[in-house]
């Protein structure tokens, strides 16, 4: 088993909490997505939060499609 510090474990827990929140948001959006794909996408977005936040920072208001 790999040695994990408390700081690393806490960061992982925060990332997984964010992934669950993203998953909940996407589930309530009405987007038709496979459960496994939803899980992978949510974890990917949460794990890449700094890049996602940088992209979204440029968004000033909600787009209606």
C-alpha atoms as a PDB file:
ATOM      1  CA  UNK A   1       0.000   0.000   0.000  1.00  0.00           C
ATOM      2  CA  UNK A   2       1.326   3.421  -0.924  1.00  0.00           C
ATOM      3  CA  UNK A   3       2.173   5.867   1.831  1.00  0.00           C
ATOM      4  CA  UNK A   4      -0.216   8.818   1.779  1.00  0.00           C
ATOM      5  CA  UNK A   5       0.151  11.892   3.960  1.00  0.00           C
ATOM      6  CA  UNK A   6      -2.795  13.469   5.761  1.00  0.00           C
ATOM      7  CA  UNK A   7      -2.465  16.500   3.475  1.00  0.00           C
ATOM      8  CA  UNK A   8      -2.690  14.289   0.371  1.00  0.00           C
ATOM      9  CA  UNK A   9      -5.629  12.344   1.805  1.00  0.00           C
ATOM     10  CA  UNK A  10      -7.458  15.579   2.640  1.00  0.00           C
ATOM     11  CA  UNK A  11      -6.851  16.922  -0.875  1.00  0.00           C
ATOM     12  CA  UNK A  12      -8.202  13.682  -2.358  1.00  0.00           C
ATOM     13  CA  UNK A  13     -11.285  13.858  -0.117  1.00  0.00           C
ATOM     14  CA  UNK A  14     -11.957  17.456  -1.200  1.00  0.00           C
ATOM     15  CA  UNK A  15     -11.574  16.469  -4.857  1.00  0.00           C
ATOM     16  CA  UNK A  16     -14.011  13.569  -4.423  1.00  0.00           C
ATOM     17  CA  UNK A  17     -16.509  15.843  -2.621  1.00  0.00           C
ATOM     18  CA  UNK A  18     -16.305  18.217  -5.580  1.00  0.00           C
ATOM     19  CA  UNK A  19     -16.788  15.302  -7.991  1.00  0.00           C
ATOM     20  CA  UNK A  20     -19.935  14.221  -6.152  1.00  0.00           C
ATOM     21  CA  UNK A  21     -21.277  17.784  -6.308  1.00  0.00           C
ATOM     22  CA  UNK A  22     -20.520  18.000 -10.024  1.00  0.00           C
ATOM     23  CA  UNK A  23     -22.219  14.652 -10.544  1.00  0.00           C
ATOM     24  CA  UNK A  24     -25.318  15.859  -8.684  1.00  0.00           C
ATOM     25  CA  UNK A  25     -25.386  19.038 -10.769  1.00  0.00           C
ATOM     26  CA  UNK A  26     -25.148  17.114 -14.029  1.00  0.00           C
ATOM     27  CA  UNK A  27     -27.791  14.573 -12.940  1.00  0.00           C
ATOM     28  CA  UNK A  28     -30.297  17.360 -12.244  1.00  0.00           C
ATOM     29  CA  UNK A  29     -29.514  19.131 -15.529  1.00  0.00           C
ATOM     30  CA  UNK A  30     -31.462  16.689 -17.646  1.00  0.00           C
ATOM     31  CA  UNK A  31     -28.400  15.759 -19.683  1.00  0.00           C
ATOM     32  CA  UNK A  32     -28.663  12.139 -20.767  1.00  0.00           C
ATOM     33  CA  UNK A  33     -25.360  10.557 -19.776  1.00  0.00           C
ATOM     34  CA  UNK A  34     -24.415   7.024 -18.844  1.00  0.00           C
ATOM     35  CA  UNK A  35     -23.757   6.547 -15.102  1.00  0.00           C
ATOM     36  CA  UNK A  36     -20.171   5.387 -15.664  1.00  0.00           C
ATOM     37  CA  UNK A  37     -19.436   8.275 -18.033  1.00  0.00           C
ATOM     38  CA  UNK A  38     -20.946  10.677 -15.498  1.00  0.00           C
ATOM     39  CA  UNK A  39     -18.626   9.359 -12.808  1.00  0.00           C
ATOM     40  CA  UNK A  40     -15.534   9.590 -15.021  1.00  0.00           C
ATOM     41  CA  UNK A  41     -16.445  13.097 -16.222  1.00  0.00           C
ATOM     42  CA  UNK A  42     -17.198  14.364 -12.705  1.00  0.00           C
ATOM     43  CA  UNK A  43     -13.920  13.072 -11.301  1.00  0.00           C
ATOM     44  CA  UNK A  44     -11.987  14.439 -14.281  1.00  0.00           C
ATOM     45  CA  UNK A  45     -13.501  17.912 -13.876  1.00  0.00           C
ATOM     46  CA  UNK A  46     -12.912  17.930 -10.114  1.00  0.00           C
ATOM     47  CA  UNK A  47      -9.329  16.675 -10.502  1.00  0.00           C
ATOM     48  CA  UNK A  48      -8.661  19.424 -13.060  1.00  0.00           C
ATOM     49  CA  UNK A  49     -10.426  22.152 -11.088  1.00  0.00           C
ATOM     50  CA  UNK A  50      -7.728  24.833 -11.551  1.00  0.00           C
ATOM     51  CA  UNK A  51      -7.899  24.546 -15.353  1.00  0.00           C
ATOM     52  CA  UNK A  52     -11.706  24.409 -15.316  1.00  0.00           C
ATOM     53  CA  UNK A  53     -11.877  27.453 -13.042  1.00  0.00           C
ATOM     54  CA  UNK A  54      -9.485  29.359 -15.319  1.00  0.00           C
ATOM     55  CA  UNK A  55     -11.718  28.629 -18.304  1.00  0.00           C
ATOM     56  CA  UNK A  56     -14.904  29.545 -16.426  1.00  0.00           C
ATOM     57  CA  UNK A  57     -13.389  32.718 -14.994  1.00  0.00           C
ATOM     58  CA  UNK A  58     -13.792  34.264 -18.452  1.00  0.00           C
ATOM     59  CA  UNK A  59     -17.536  33.535 -18.344  1.00  0.00           C
ATOM     60  CA  UNK A  60     -19.325  36.649 -17.131  1.00  0.00           C
ATOM     61  CA  UNK A  61     -22.937  35.554 -17.339  1.00  0.00           C
ATOM     62  CA  UNK A  62     -25.009  32.479 -17.997  1.00  0.00           C
ATOM     63  CA  UNK A  63     -25.419  31.416 -21.626  1.00  0.00           C
ATOM     64  CA  UNK A  64     -28.821  30.195 -22.715  1.00  0.00           C
ATOM     65  CA  UNK A  65     -28.699  27.638 -25.476  1.00  0.00           C
END
